[in-house]
Amino acid sequence: MPMGRNVFIQYSCPVNKITDDNLFTRFLLQNIDKKNVPIAEVFRDIVDETFNERNHRLKPYSASNLPPDEPVFLNQQISST
């Protein structure tokens, strides 16, 4: 099934796998409030940290078709200058 426009999907492990280690959640909570960092970069860090902590097993699955020239932010801080 084709992905719609401007979609970002993130799972805590590979497709058709399960895990109960809560590592993804731990790193999600540590990274989710980063200010002025695009969502793709935030989740890339979460995926990398999770995968490393799992000794390169069960890499979290990501899928995105967000346009690279229009970053999406979870915690964008707008300055009042």
PDB file of N, CA and C in Angstrom:
ATOM      1  N   MET A   1       0.836  -1.170   0.000  1.00  0.00           N
ATOM      2  CA  MET A   1       0.000   0.000   0.000  1.00  0.00           C
ATOM      3  C   MET A   1       0.885   1.239   0.000  1.00  0.00           C
ATOM      4  N   PRO A   2       0.686   2.156  -0.933  1.00  0.00           N
ATOM      5  CA  PRO A   2       1.529   3.346  -0.992  1.00  0.00           C
ATOM      6  C   PRO A   2       1.271   4.264   0.207  1.00  0.00           C
ATOM      7  N   MET A   3       2.319   4.926   0.632  1.00  0.00           N
ATOM      8  CA  MET A   3       2.220   5.846   1.751  1.00  0.00           C
ATOM      9  C   MET A   3       1.652   7.174   1.272  1.00  0.00           C
ATOM     10  N   GLY A   4       0.822   7.788   2.086  1.00  0.00           N
ATOM     11  CA  GLY A   4       0.269   9.097   1.768  1.00  0.00           C
ATOM     12  C   GLY A   4       1.335  10.177   1.813  1.00  0.00           C
ATOM     13  N   ARG A   5       0.923  11.372   1.531  1.00  0.00           N
ATOM     14  CA  ARG A   5       1.838  12.513   1.507  1.00  0.00           C
ATOM     15  C   ARG A   5       2.129  12.977   2.933  1.00  0.00           C
ATOM     16  N   ASN A   6       3.382  13.353   3.186  1.00  0.00           N
ATOM     17  CA  ASN A   6       3.811  13.883   4.475  1.00  0.00           C
ATOM     18  C   ASN A   6       3.507  12.934   5.635  1.00  0.00           C
ATOM     19  N   VAL A   7       3.971  11.710   5.501  1.00  0.00           N
ATOM     20  CA  VAL A   7       3.744  10.689   6.519  1.00  0.00           C
ATOM     21  C   VAL A   7       5.074  10.296   7.150  1.00  0.00           C
ATOM     22  N   PHE A   8       5.048  10.108   8.460  1.00  0.00           N
ATOM     23  CA  PHE A   8       6.208   9.619   9.186  1.00  0.00           C
ATOM     24  C   PHE A   8       5.729   8.469  10.069  1.00  0.00           C
ATOM     25  N   ILE A   9       6.334   7.301   9.913  1.00  0.00           N
ATOM     26  CA  ILE A   9       5.956   6.114  10.680  1.00  0.00           C
ATOM     27  C   ILE A   9       7.193   5.604  11.412  1.00  0.00           C
ATOM     28  N   GLN A  10       7.011   5.283  12.683  1.00  0.00           N
ATOM     29  CA  GLN A  10       8.126   4.780  13.479  1.00  0.00           C
ATOM     30  C   GLN A  10       7.638   3.647  14.362  1.00  0.00           C
ATOM     31  N   TYR A  11       8.344   2.516  14.306  1.00  0.00           N
ATOM     32  CA  TYR A  11       8.071   1.384  15.184  1.00  0.00           C
ATOM     33  C   TYR A  11       9.279   1.154  16.079  1.00  0.00           C
ATOM     34  N   SER A  12       9.059   0.501  17.199  1.00  0.00           N
ATOM     35  CA  SER A  12      10.143   0.289  18.152  1.00  0.00           C
ATOM     36  C   SER A  12      11.072  -0.863  17.774  1.00  0.00           C
ATOM     37  N   CYS A  13      10.676  -1.653  16.774  1.00  0.00           N
ATOM     38  CA  CYS A  13      11.495  -2.783  16.327  1.00  0.00           C
ATOM     39  C   CYS A  13      11.169  -3.065  14.859  1.00  0.00           C
ATOM     40  N   PRO A  14      11.829  -4.035  14.248  1.00  0.00           N
ATOM     41  CA  PRO A  14      11.542  -4.339  12.851  1.00  0.00           C
ATOM     42  C   PRO A  14      10.097  -4.824  12.666  1.00  0.00           C
ATOM     43  N   VAL A  15       9.620  -4.701  11.453  1.00  0.00           N
ATOM     44  CA  VAL A  15       8.290  -5.188  11.103  1.00  0.00           C
ATOM     45  C   VAL A  15       8.215  -6.691  11.372  1.00  0.00           C
ATOM     46  N   ASN A  16       7.083  -7.139  11.894  1.00  0.00           N
ATOM     47  CA  ASN A  16       6.822  -8.550  12.219  1.00  0.00           C
ATOM     48  C   ASN A  16       7.700  -9.102  13.339  1.00  0.00           C
ATOM     49  N   LYS A  17       8.239  -8.215  14.165  1.00  0.00           N
ATOM     50  CA  LYS A  17       9.024  -8.614  15.340  1.00  0.00           C
ATOM     51  C   LYS A  17       8.430  -7.937  16.567  1.00  0.00           C
ATOM     52  N   ILE A  18       8.753  -8.453  17.724  1.00  0.00           N
ATOM     53  CA  ILE A  18       8.338  -7.806  18.965  1.00  0.00           C
ATOM     54  C   ILE A  18       9.536  -7.734  19.908  1.00  0.00           C
ATOM     55  N   THR A  19       9.439  -6.823  20.853  1.00  0.00           N
ATOM     56  CA  THR A  19      10.474  -6.690  21.864  1.00  0.00           C
ATOM     57  C   THR A  19       9.823  -6.198  23.150  1.00  0.00           C
ATOM     58  N   ASP A  20      10.363  -6.588  24.252  1.00  0.00           N
ATOM     59  CA  ASP A  20       9.836  -6.122  25.532  1.00  0.00           C
ATOM     60  C   ASP A  20      10.912  -5.438  26.374  1.00  0.00           C
ATOM     61  N   ASP A  21      11.950  -4.945  25.707  1.00  0.00           N
ATOM     62  CA  ASP A  21      13.068  -4.348  26.444  1.00  0.00           C
ATOM     63  C   ASP A  21      12.845  -2.887  26.836  1.00  0.00           C
ATOM     64  N   ASN A  22      11.838  -2.226  26.282  1.00  0.00           N
ATOM     65  CA  ASN A  22      11.523  -0.824  26.590  1.00  0.00           C
ATOM     66  C   ASN A  22      12.646   0.155  26.263  1.00  0.00           C
ATOM     67  N   LEU A  23      13.650  -0.288  25.517  1.00  0.00           N
ATOM     68  CA  LEU A  23      14.748   0.622  25.165  1.00  0.00           C
ATOM     69  C   LEU A  23      14.277   1.753  24.269  1.00  0.00           C
ATOM     70  N   PHE A  24      13.447   1.430  23.285  1.00  0.00           N
ATOM     71  CA  PHE A  24      12.954   2.471  22.391  1.00  0.00           C
ATOM     72  C   PHE A  24      12.208   3.534  23.194  1.00  0.00           C
ATOM     73  N   THR A  25      11.362   3.120  24.100  1.00  0.00           N
ATOM     74  CA  THR A  25      10.603   4.074  24.926  1.00  0.00           C
ATOM     75  C   THR A  25      11.534   4.918  25.766  1.00  0.00           C
ATOM     76  N   ARG A  26      12.547   4.304  26.340  1.00  0.00           N
ATOM     77  CA  ARG A  26      13.514   5.046  27.155  1.00  0.00           C
ATOM     78  C   ARG A  26      14.200   6.142  26.336  1.00  0.00           C
ATOM     79  N   PHE A  27      14.672   5.785  25.140  1.00  0.00           N
ATOM     80  CA  PHE A  27      15.356   6.777  24.310  1.00  0.00           C
ATOM     81  C   PHE A  27      14.378   7.791  23.719  1.00  0.00           C
ATOM     82  N   LEU A  28      13.158   7.373  23.466  1.00  0.00           N
ATOM     83  CA  LEU A  28      12.124   8.313  23.016  1.00  0.00           C
ATOM     84  C   LEU A  28      11.917   9.389  24.073  1.00  0.00           C
ATOM     85  N   LEU A  29      11.743   8.991  25.313  1.00  0.00           N
ATOM     86  CA  LEU A  29      11.526   9.953  26.391  1.00  0.00           C
ATOM     87  C   LEU A  29      12.733  10.868  26.606  1.00  0.00           C
ATOM     88  N   GLN A  30      13.926  10.362  26.353  1.00  0.00           N
ATOM     89  CA  GLN A  30      15.132  11.182  26.515  1.00  0.00           C
ATOM     90  C   GLN A  30      15.298  12.198  25.386  1.00  0.00           C
ATOM     91  N   ASN A  31      14.716  11.908  24.213  1.00  0.00           N
ATOM     92  CA  ASN A  31      14.968  12.749  23.040  1.00  0.00           C
ATOM     93  C   ASN A  31      13.769  13.556  22.547  1.00  0.00           C
ATOM     94  N   ILE A  32      12.580  13.242  22.982  1.00  0.00           N
ATOM     95  CA  ILE A  32      11.370  13.790  22.376  1.00  0.00           C
ATOM     96  C   ILE A  32      11.248  15.307  22.534  1.00  0.00           C
ATOM     97  N   ASP A  33      11.849  15.882  23.538  1.00  0.00           N
ATOM     98  CA  ASP A  33      11.680  17.317  23.764  1.00  0.00           C
ATOM     99  C   ASP A  33      12.825  18.172  23.224  1.00  0.00           C
ATOM    100  N   LYS A  34      13.639  17.618  22.338  1.00  0.00           N
ATOM    101  CA  LYS A  34      14.719  18.414  21.731  1.00  0.00           C
ATOM    102  C   LYS A  34      14.120  19.605  20.994  1.00  0.00           C
ATOM    103  N   LYS A  35      14.660  20.758  21.281  1.00  0.00           N
ATOM    104  CA  LYS A  35      14.146  21.986  20.679  1.00  0.00           C
ATOM    105  C   LYS A  35      14.772  22.238  19.312  1.00  0.00           C
ATOM    106  N   ASN A  36      13.934  22.615  18.360  1.00  0.00           N
ATOM    107  CA  ASN A  36      14.369  23.037  17.031  1.00  0.00           C
ATOM    108  C   ASN A  36      15.152  21.974  16.269  1.00  0.00           C
ATOM    109  N   VAL A  37      14.785  20.728  16.480  1.00  0.00           N
ATOM    110  CA  VAL A  37      15.407  19.613  15.755  1.00  0.00           C
ATOM    111  C   VAL A  37      14.302  18.928  14.954  1.00  0.00           C
ATOM    112  N   PRO A  38      14.486  18.758  13.648  1.00  0.00           N
ATOM    113  CA  PRO A  38      13.455  18.110  12.831  1.00  0.00           C
ATOM    114  C   PRO A  38      13.127  16.705  13.331  1.00  0.00           C
ATOM    115  N   ILE A  39      11.873  16.322  13.193  1.00  0.00           N
ATOM    116  CA  ILE A  39      11.392  15.030  13.678  1.00  0.00           C
ATOM    117  C   ILE A  39      12.224  13.875  13.119  1.00  0.00           C
ATOM    118  N   ALA A  40      12.615  13.949  11.864  1.00  0.00           N
ATOM    119  CA  ALA A  40      13.401  12.869  11.260  1.00  0.00           C
ATOM    120  C   ALA A  40      14.742  12.702  11.978  1.00  0.00           C
ATOM    121  N   GLU A  41      15.343  13.810  12.364  1.00  0.00           N
ATOM    122  CA  GLU A  41      16.626  13.755  13.074  1.00  0.00           C
ATOM    123  C   GLU A  41      16.453  13.231  14.495  1.00  0.00           C
ATOM    124  N   VAL A  42      15.392  13.662  15.176  1.00  0.00           N
ATOM    125  CA  VAL A  42      15.107  13.171  16.525  1.00  0.00           C
ATOM    126  C   VAL A  42      14.969  11.653  16.509  1.00  0.00           C
ATOM    127  N   PHE A  43      14.157  11.143  15.576  1.00  0.00           N
ATOM    128  CA  PHE A  43      13.940   9.704  15.532  1.00  0.00           C
ATOM    129  C   PHE A  43      15.145   8.944  14.996  1.00  0.00           C
ATOM    130  N   ARG A  44      15.959   9.555  14.174  1.00  0.00           N
ATOM    131  CA  ARG A  44      17.199   8.902  13.733  1.00  0.00           C
ATOM    132  C   ARG A  44      18.104   8.672  14.948  1.00  0.00           C
ATOM    133  N   ASP A  45      18.172   9.662  15.829  1.00  0.00           N
ATOM    134  CA  ASP A  45      18.968   9.502  17.055  1.00  0.00           C
ATOM    135  C   ASP A  45      18.390   8.404  17.945  1.00  0.00           C
ATOM    136  N   ILE A  46      17.077   8.372  18.094  1.00  0.00           N
ATOM    137  CA  ILE A  46      16.415   7.360  18.914  1.00  0.00           C
ATOM    138  C   ILE A  46      16.684   5.965  18.352  1.00  0.00           C
ATOM    139  N   VAL A  47      16.541   5.819  17.045  1.00  0.00           N
ATOM    140  CA  VAL A  47      16.796   4.531  16.388  1.00  0.00           C
ATOM    141  C   VAL A  47      18.244   4.102  16.597  1.00  0.00           C
ATOM    142  N   ASP A  48      19.186   5.016  16.380  1.00  0.00           N
ATOM    143  CA  ASP A  48      20.607   4.688  16.538  1.00  0.00           C
ATOM    144  C   ASP A  48      20.928   4.269  17.972  1.00  0.00           C
ATOM    145  N   GLU A  49      20.422   5.016  18.950  1.00  0.00           N
ATOM    146  CA  GLU A  49      20.690   4.690  20.345  1.00  0.00           C
ATOM    147  C   GLU A  49      20.080   3.338  20.723  1.00  0.00           C
ATOM    148  N   THR A  50      18.858   3.092  20.267  1.00  0.00           N
ATOM    149  CA  THR A  50      18.188   1.824  20.560  1.00  0.00           C
ATOM    150  C   THR A  50      18.935   0.659  19.930  1.00  0.00           C
ATOM    151  N   PHE A  51      19.282   0.796  18.663  1.00  0.00           N
ATOM    152  CA  PHE A  51      19.976  -0.264  17.940  1.00  0.00           C
ATOM    153  C   PHE A  51      21.337  -0.566  18.571  1.00  0.00           C
ATOM    154  N   ASN A  52      22.060   0.473  18.959  1.00  0.00           N
ATOM    155  CA  ASN A  52      23.353   0.280  19.610  1.00  0.00           C
ATOM    156  C   ASN A  52      23.197  -0.429  20.951  1.00  0.00           C
ATOM    157  N   GLU A  53      22.207  -0.016  21.724  1.00  0.00           N
ATOM    158  CA  GLU A  53      21.985  -0.635  23.035  1.00  0.00           C
ATOM    159  C   GLU A  53      21.569  -2.098  22.896  1.00  0.00           C
ATOM    160  N   ARG A  54      20.933  -2.435  21.794  1.00  0.00           N
ATOM    161  CA  ARG A  54      20.528  -3.825  21.532  1.00  0.00           C
ATOM    162  C   ARG A  54      21.635  -4.629  20.847  1.00  0.00           C
ATOM    163  N   ASN A  55      22.829  -4.108  20.830  1.00  0.00           N
ATOM    164  CA  ASN A  55      23.973  -4.783  20.205  1.00  0.00           C
ATOM    165  C   ASN A  55      23.713  -5.104  18.731  1.00  0.00           C
ATOM    166  N   HIS A  56      23.153  -4.138  18.036  1.00  0.00           N
ATOM    167  CA  HIS A  56      22.878  -4.212  16.602  1.00  0.00           C
ATOM    168  C   HIS A  56      21.905  -5.327  16.217  1.00  0.00           C
ATOM    169  N   ARG A  57      20.914  -5.534  17.084  1.00  0.00           N
ATOM    170  CA  ARG A  57      19.827  -6.470  16.791  1.00  0.00           C
ATOM    171  C   ARG A  57      18.515  -5.713  16.916  1.00  0.00           C
ATOM    172  N   LEU A  58      17.514  -6.118  16.185  1.00  0.00           N
ATOM    173  CA  LEU A  58      16.170  -5.546  16.248  1.00  0.00           C
ATOM    174  C   LEU A  58      16.169  -4.027  16.051  1.00  0.00           C
ATOM    175  N   LYS A  59      16.658  -3.595  14.894  1.00  0.00           N
ATOM    176  CA  LYS A  59      16.691  -2.165  14.590  1.00  0.00           C
ATOM    177  C   LYS A  59      15.267  -1.636  14.423  1.00  0.00           C
ATOM    178  N   PRO A  60      14.911  -0.547  15.120  1.00  0.00           N
ATOM    179  CA  PRO A  60      13.588   0.040  14.946  1.00  0.00           C
ATOM    180  C   PRO A  60      13.329   0.417  13.486  1.00  0.00           C
ATOM    181  N   TYR A  61      12.093   0.214  13.063  1.00  0.00           N
ATOM    182  CA  TYR A  61      11.702   0.464  11.675  1.00  0.00           C
ATOM    183  C   TYR A  61      11.182   1.885  11.524  1.00  0.00           C
ATOM    184  N   SER A  62      11.674   2.571  10.504  1.00  0.00           N
ATOM    185  CA  SER A  62      11.237   3.924  10.175  1.00  0.00           C
ATOM    186  C   SER A  62      10.814   3.988   8.716  1.00  0.00           C
ATOM    187  N   ALA A  63       9.774   4.768   8.455  1.00  0.00           N
ATOM    188  CA  ALA A  63       9.360   5.057   7.085  1.00  0.00           C
ATOM    189  C   ALA A  63       8.897   6.500   7.044  1.00  0.00           C
ATOM    190  N   SER A  64       9.363   7.217   6.042  1.00  0.00           N
ATOM    191  CA  SER A  64       9.011   8.631   5.955  1.00  0.00           C
ATOM    192  C   SER A  64       9.008   9.088   4.505  1.00  0.00           C
ATOM    193  N   ASN A  65       8.075   9.934   4.202  1.00  0.00           N
ATOM    194  CA  ASN A  65       8.138  10.644   2.925  1.00  0.00           C
ATOM    195  C   ASN A  65       7.952  12.140   3.163  1.00  0.00           C
ATOM    196  N   LEU A  66       8.429  12.588   4.324  1.00  0.00           N
ATOM    197  CA  LEU A  66       8.419  14.020   4.612  1.00  0.00           C
ATOM    198  C   LEU A  66       9.411  14.708   3.681  1.00  0.00           C
ATOM    199  N   PRO A  67       9.036  15.841   3.109  1.00  0.00           N
ATOM    200  CA  PRO A  67       9.962  16.529   2.208  1.00  0.00           C
ATOM    201  C   PRO A  67      11.176  17.064   2.968  1.00  0.00           C
ATOM    202  N   PRO A  68      12.382  16.775   2.496  1.00  0.00           N
ATOM    203  CA  PRO A  68      13.593  17.204   3.209  1.00  0.00           C
ATOM    204  C   PRO A  68      13.755  18.721   3.267  1.00  0.00           C
ATOM    205  N   ASP A  69      13.151  19.425   2.338  1.00  0.00           N
ATOM    206  CA  ASP A  69      13.290  20.884   2.315  1.00  0.00           C
ATOM    207  C   ASP A  69      12.229  21.587   3.160  1.00  0.00           C
ATOM    208  N   GLU A  70      11.340  20.834   3.808  1.00  0.00           N
ATOM    209  CA  GLU A  70      10.324  21.399   4.694  1.00  0.00           C
ATOM    210  C   GLU A  70      10.315  20.609   6.003  1.00  0.00           C
ATOM    211  N   PRO A  71      11.296  20.846   6.876  1.00  0.00           N
ATOM    212  CA  PRO A  71      11.388  20.051   8.099  1.00  0.00           C
ATOM    213  C   PRO A  71      10.164  20.222   8.995  1.00  0.00           C
ATOM    214  N   VAL A  72       9.817  19.140   9.679  1.00  0.00           N
ATOM    215  CA  VAL A  72       8.715  19.129  10.634  1.00  0.00           C
ATOM    216  C   VAL A  72       9.335  19.012  12.018  1.00  0.00           C
ATOM    217  N   PHE A  73       8.856  19.822  12.944  1.00  0.00           N
ATOM    218  CA  PHE A  73       9.405  19.862  14.292  1.00  0.00           C
ATOM    219  C   PHE A  73       8.361  19.402  15.310  1.00  0.00           C
ATOM    220  N   LEU A  74       8.803  18.678  16.324  1.00  0.00           N
ATOM    221  CA  LEU A  74       7.931  18.329  17.440  1.00  0.00           C
ATOM    222  C   LEU A  74       7.957  19.422  18.496  1.00  0.00           C
ATOM    223  N   ASN A  75       9.072  20.104  18.632  1.00  0.00           N
ATOM    224  CA  ASN A  75       9.238  21.102  19.681  1.00  0.00           C
ATOM    225  C   ASN A  75       9.952  22.327  19.122  1.00  0.00           C
ATOM    226  N   GLN A  76       9.302  22.969  18.169  1.00  0.00           N
ATOM    227  CA  GLN A  76       9.914  24.146  17.554  1.00  0.00           C
ATOM    228  C   GLN A  76       9.742  25.352  18.457  1.00  0.00           C
ATOM    229  N   GLN A  77      10.833  26.036  18.714  1.00  0.00           N
ATOM    230  CA  GLN A  77      10.818  27.246  19.533  1.00  0.00           C
ATOM    231  C   GLN A  77      10.917  28.450  18.605  1.00  0.00           C
ATOM    232  N   ILE A  78       9.954  29.304  18.693  1.00  0.00           N
ATOM    233  CA  ILE A  78       9.911  30.499  17.846  1.00  0.00           C
ATOM    234  C   ILE A  78      10.433  31.665  18.664  1.00  0.00           C
ATOM    235  N   SER A  79      11.479  32.286  18.147  1.00  0.00           N
ATOM    236  CA  SER A  79      12.053  33.428  18.872  1.00  0.00           C
ATOM    237  C   SER A  79      11.264  34.695  18.571  1.00  0.00           C
ATOM    238  N   SER A  80      11.198  35.557  19.531  1.00  0.00           N
ATOM    239  CA  SER A  80      10.466  36.811  19.370  1.00  0.00           C
ATOM    240  C   SER A  80      11.463  37.961  19.207  1.00  0.00           C
ATOM    241  N   THR A  81      12.098  37.999  18.027  1.00  0.00           N
ATOM    242  CA  THR A  81      13.081  39.052  17.761  1.00  0.00           C
ATOM    243  C   THR A  81      12.510  40.102  16.870  1.00  0.00           C
TER     244      THR A  81
END
